[in-house]
Amino acid sequence: MQIIAALFMDDIELRSVPGPSTRIDLGGIQFSAPAPGPLPCTVAPHLVVLVWNPPDGKQFGALTVVFHPIGVDPAQAEADGVEPLARNTQPLDIEPTKFNYRLVRAELPFDELGTVVAHCAIDGGEWQPVPYTLLPPVG
């Protein structure tokens, strides 16, 4: 299985079109957002991970997403005793040649403005980073 995209977003909608085929409409794609108020605060952005299973892929797997402050290598973090801000593991059941998606919502604590990276991997494979930056509050 392969991650073909991972994005923070506000909305997801699936719709069928002739074929049969499916369309995934994503709304509010984002890589940053203003803090909801004074710091410290907690935010819970929605991450969507799109996965494709190639013709020779195995049907079952596991998606793992770990959230760390920017600059932390997820492959080294555990060995260094660095705990993630959040962690999510979900089973995958995708037939070969098919696509699917998983939604991940983590509560991320911020003591200061900055960037958190969601590192996504399937079955312990290569990590795909997705940054999310907390900006100063508006107003």
C-alpha atoms as a PDB file:
ATOM      1  CA  MET A   1       0.000   0.000   0.000  1.00  0.00           C
ATOM      2  CA  GLN A   2       1.134   3.540  -0.697  1.00  0.00           C
ATOM      3  CA  ILE A   3       0.204   6.955   0.658  1.00  0.00           C
ATOM      4  CA  ILE A   4      -0.640   9.108  -2.361  1.00  0.00           C
ATOM      5  CA  ALA A   5      -1.597  12.259  -0.427  1.00  0.00           C
ATOM      6  CA  ALA A   6      -1.984  13.494   3.131  1.00  0.00           C
ATOM      7  CA  LEU A   7      -3.485  16.912   3.840  1.00  0.00           C
ATOM      8  CA  PHE A   8      -5.068  18.891   6.633  1.00  0.00           C
ATOM      9  CA  MET A   9      -8.584  19.940   5.629  1.00  0.00           C
ATOM     10  CA  ASP A  10     -11.960  21.187   6.829  1.00  0.00           C
ATOM     11  CA  ASP A  11     -14.360  19.031   4.815  1.00  0.00           C
ATOM     12  CA  ILE A  12     -14.551  15.828   2.783  1.00  0.00           C
ATOM     13  CA  GLU A  13     -17.376  14.691   0.547  1.00  0.00           C
ATOM     14  CA  LEU A  14     -17.627  11.526  -1.547  1.00  0.00           C
ATOM     15  CA  ARG A  15     -19.779  11.379  -4.667  1.00  0.00           C
ATOM     16  CA  SER A  16     -20.337   8.823  -7.381  1.00  0.00           C
ATOM     17  CA  VAL A  17     -20.054   9.553 -11.069  1.00  0.00           C
ATOM     18  CA  PRO A  18     -20.727   7.274 -14.045  1.00  0.00           C
ATOM     19  CA  GLY A  19     -18.228   4.547 -14.555  1.00  0.00           C
ATOM     20  CA  PRO A  20     -18.712   3.545 -11.721  1.00  0.00           C
ATOM     21  CA  SER A  21     -16.239   5.961 -10.269  1.00  0.00           C
ATOM     22  CA  THR A  22     -15.924   7.950  -7.063  1.00  0.00           C
ATOM     23  CA  ARG A  23     -14.905  11.543  -6.575  1.00  0.00           C
ATOM     24  CA  ILE A  24     -13.485  12.878  -3.331  1.00  0.00           C
ATOM     25  CA  ASP A  25     -14.123  16.579  -2.834  1.00  0.00           C
ATOM     26  CA  LEU A  26     -11.852  18.133  -0.217  1.00  0.00           C
ATOM     27  CA  GLY A  27     -12.560  21.594   1.165  1.00  0.00           C
ATOM     28  CA  GLY A  28     -10.491  23.978   3.216  1.00  0.00           C
ATOM     29  CA  ILE A  29      -7.079  22.427   2.542  1.00  0.00           C
ATOM     30  CA  GLN A  30      -4.678  24.059   4.980  1.00  0.00           C
ATOM     31  CA  PHE A  31      -1.154  23.975   6.278  1.00  0.00           C
ATOM     32  CA  SER A  32      -1.630  26.655   8.936  1.00  0.00           C
ATOM     33  CA  ALA A  33      -4.335  28.267  11.043  1.00  0.00           C
ATOM     34  CA  PRO A  34      -4.582  31.039  13.625  1.00  0.00           C
ATOM     35  CA  ALA A  35      -4.644  29.981  17.257  1.00  0.00           C
ATOM     36  CA  PRO A  36      -8.211  29.888  18.614  1.00  0.00           C
ATOM     37  CA  GLY A  37      -7.194  32.172  21.484  1.00  0.00           C
ATOM     38  CA  PRO A  38      -4.307  32.941  23.819  1.00  0.00           C
ATOM     39  CA  LEU A  39      -1.576  30.358  24.343  1.00  0.00           C
ATOM     40  CA  PRO A  40      -1.294  27.742  25.627  1.00  0.00           C
ATOM     41  CA  CYS A  41      -4.086  26.125  23.632  1.00  0.00           C
ATOM     42  CA  THR A  42      -5.087  22.866  21.998  1.00  0.00           C
ATOM     43  CA  VAL A  43      -6.107  22.512  18.361  1.00  0.00           C
ATOM     44  CA  ALA A  44      -7.596  19.494  16.598  1.00  0.00           C
ATOM     45  CA  PRO A  45      -7.137  19.785  12.830  1.00  0.00           C
ATOM     46  CA  HIS A  46      -8.453  17.040  10.551  1.00  0.00           C
ATOM     47  CA  LEU A  47      -5.909  15.105   8.487  1.00  0.00           C
ATOM     48  CA  VAL A  48      -7.002  12.996   5.528  1.00  0.00           C
ATOM     49  CA  VAL A  49      -4.640  10.297   4.243  1.00  0.00           C
ATOM     50  CA  LEU A  50      -5.368   8.892   0.773  1.00  0.00           C
ATOM     51  CA  VAL A  51      -4.035   5.381   0.177  1.00  0.00           C
ATOM     52  CA  TRP A  52      -3.668   3.295  -2.980  1.00  0.00           C
ATOM     53  CA  ASN A  53      -3.015  -0.423  -3.080  1.00  0.00           C
ATOM     54  CA  PRO A  54      -1.041  -1.431  -6.199  1.00  0.00           C
ATOM     55  CA  PRO A  55      -1.910  -4.638  -8.103  1.00  0.00           C
ATOM     56  CA  ASP A  56       0.717  -6.669  -6.219  1.00  0.00           C
ATOM     57  CA  GLY A  57      -0.071  -5.151  -2.791  1.00  0.00           C
ATOM     58  CA  LYS A  58      -1.276  -7.027   0.271  1.00  0.00           C
ATOM     59  CA  GLN A  59      -4.871  -6.312   1.273  1.00  0.00           C
ATOM     60  CA  PHE A  60      -4.316  -5.630   4.986  1.00  0.00           C
ATOM     61  CA  GLY A  61      -2.016  -3.148   6.680  1.00  0.00           C
ATOM     62  CA  ALA A  62      -1.836  -0.412   9.287  1.00  0.00           C
ATOM     63  CA  LEU A  63      -1.569   3.351   8.943  1.00  0.00           C
ATOM     64  CA  THR A  64       0.383   5.085  11.708  1.00  0.00           C
ATOM     65  CA  VAL A  65       0.475   8.852  12.186  1.00  0.00           C
ATOM     66  CA  VAL A  66       2.708  10.437  14.819  1.00  0.00           C
ATOM     67  CA  PHE A  67       2.723  14.162  15.556  1.00  0.00           C
ATOM     68  CA  HIS A  68       5.979  15.810  16.644  1.00  0.00           C
ATOM     69  CA  PRO A  69       7.272  19.382  16.770  1.00  0.00           C
ATOM     70  CA  ILE A  70       9.150  20.299  13.604  1.00  0.00           C
ATOM     71  CA  GLY A  71      12.722  19.024  13.587  1.00  0.00           C
ATOM     72  CA  VAL A  72      12.016  15.721  15.352  1.00  0.00           C
ATOM     73  CA  ASP A  73      12.891  12.649  13.276  1.00  0.00           C
ATOM     74  CA  PRO A  74      10.112  10.096  13.910  1.00  0.00           C
ATOM     75  CA  ALA A  75      12.451   7.210  13.085  1.00  0.00           C
ATOM     76  CA  GLN A  76      14.832   8.315  15.854  1.00  0.00           C
ATOM     77  CA  ALA A  77      12.335   9.774  18.349  1.00  0.00           C
ATOM     78  CA  GLU A  78      11.431   6.530  20.092  1.00  0.00           C
ATOM     79  CA  ALA A  79      15.087   5.526  20.515  1.00  0.00           C
ATOM     80  CA  ASP A  80      15.797   8.983  21.971  1.00  0.00           C
ATOM     81  CA  GLY A  81      12.851   8.713  24.376  1.00  0.00           C
ATOM     82  CA  VAL A  82      10.954  11.578  22.679  1.00  0.00           C
ATOM     83  CA  GLU A  83       7.219  11.118  23.124  1.00  0.00           C
ATOM     84  CA  PRO A  84       4.934  12.235  20.285  1.00  0.00           C
ATOM     85  CA  LEU A  85       2.370  14.988  20.883  1.00  0.00           C
ATOM     86  CA  ALA A  86      -0.215  12.503  19.564  1.00  0.00           C
ATOM     87  CA  ARG A  87      -0.271   9.111  17.871  1.00  0.00           C
ATOM     88  CA  ASN A  88      -2.916   7.300  15.826  1.00  0.00           C
ATOM     89  CA  THR A  89      -2.840   3.817  14.311  1.00  0.00           C
ATOM     90  CA  GLN A  90      -5.669   2.511  12.139  1.00  0.00           C
ATOM     91  CA  PRO A  91      -6.173  -0.755  10.254  1.00  0.00           C
ATOM     92  CA  LEU A  92      -6.261  -0.697   6.456  1.00  0.00           C
ATOM     93  CA  ASP A  93      -8.277  -3.155   4.348  1.00  0.00           C
ATOM     94  CA  ILE A  94      -7.891  -2.169   0.699  1.00  0.00           C
ATOM     95  CA  GLU A  95      -8.154  -4.553  -2.244  1.00  0.00           C
ATOM     96  CA  PRO A  96      -5.293  -4.429  -4.750  1.00  0.00           C
ATOM     97  CA  THR A  97      -5.795  -1.680  -7.422  1.00  0.00           C
ATOM     98  CA  LYS A  98      -8.257   0.186  -5.157  1.00  0.00           C
ATOM     99  CA  PHE A  99      -8.084   3.474  -3.232  1.00  0.00           C
ATOM    100  CA  ASN A 100      -9.338   4.412   0.215  1.00  0.00           C
ATOM    101  CA  TYR A 101      -8.805   7.106   2.823  1.00  0.00           C
ATOM    102  CA  ARG A 102      -8.478   7.493   6.547  1.00  0.00           C
ATOM    103  CA  LEU A 103      -9.327  10.494   8.693  1.00  0.00           C
ATOM    104  CA  VAL A 104      -7.082  11.342  11.621  1.00  0.00           C
ATOM    105  CA  ARG A 105      -7.970  13.929  14.243  1.00  0.00           C
ATOM    106  CA  ALA A 106      -5.503  14.548  17.032  1.00  0.00           C
ATOM    107  CA  GLU A 107      -5.668  17.055  19.867  1.00  0.00           C
ATOM    108  CA  LEU A 108      -2.392  18.946  19.603  1.00  0.00           C
ATOM    109  CA  PRO A 109      -1.160  21.022  22.557  1.00  0.00           C
ATOM    110  CA  PHE A 110       0.677  24.249  21.724  1.00  0.00           C
ATOM    111  CA  ASP A 111       2.574  26.129  24.434  1.00  0.00           C
ATOM    112  CA  GLU A 112       3.963  28.500  21.803  1.00  0.00           C
ATOM    113  CA  LEU A 113       3.359  29.294  18.153  1.00  0.00           C
ATOM    114  CA  GLY A 114       5.137  26.998  15.743  1.00  0.00           C
ATOM    115  CA  THR A 115       4.907  23.980  13.489  1.00  0.00           C
ATOM    116  CA  VAL A 116       3.908  20.409  14.221  1.00  0.00           C
ATOM    117  CA  VAL A 117       4.544  17.679  11.674  1.00  0.00           C
ATOM    118  CA  ALA A 118       2.220  14.725  11.169  1.00  0.00           C
ATOM    119  CA  HIS A 119       4.445  11.871  10.063  1.00  0.00           C
ATOM    120  CA  CYS A 120       2.429   9.206   8.207  1.00  0.00           C
ATOM    121  CA  ALA A 121       3.578   5.655   7.382  1.00  0.00           C
ATOM    122  CA  ILE A 122       2.090   2.320   6.383  1.00  0.00           C
ATOM    123  CA  ASP A 123       3.376  -0.838   8.056  1.00  0.00           C
ATOM    124  CA  GLY A 124       6.514   0.828   9.360  1.00  0.00           C
ATOM    125  CA  GLY A 125       7.508   2.121   5.923  1.00  0.00           C
ATOM    126  CA  GLU A 126       8.928   5.485   4.951  1.00  0.00           C
ATOM    127  CA  TRP A 127       7.527   8.475   6.832  1.00  0.00           C
ATOM    128  CA  GLN A 128       5.635  11.111   4.826  1.00  0.00           C
ATOM    129  CA  PRO A 129       5.658  14.495   6.621  1.00  0.00           C
ATOM    130  CA  VAL A 130       2.685  16.879   6.637  1.00  0.00           C
ATOM    131  CA  PRO A 131       3.325  20.239   8.388  1.00  0.00           C
ATOM    132  CA  TYR A 132       0.757  22.237  10.341  1.00  0.00           C
ATOM    133  CA  THR A 133       1.670  25.695  11.661  1.00  0.00           C
ATOM    134  CA  LEU A 134      -0.135  27.536  14.439  1.00  0.00           C
ATOM    135  CA  LEU A 135      -0.213  31.291  13.756  1.00  0.00           C
ATOM    136  CA  PRO A 136      -0.966  34.190  16.120  1.00  0.00           C
ATOM    137  CA  PRO A 137      -4.655  34.533  17.061  1.00  0.00           C
ATOM    138  CA  VAL A 138      -6.740  36.889  14.958  1.00  0.00           C
ATOM    139  CA  GLY A 139      -8.457  39.832  16.633  1.00  0.00           C
END
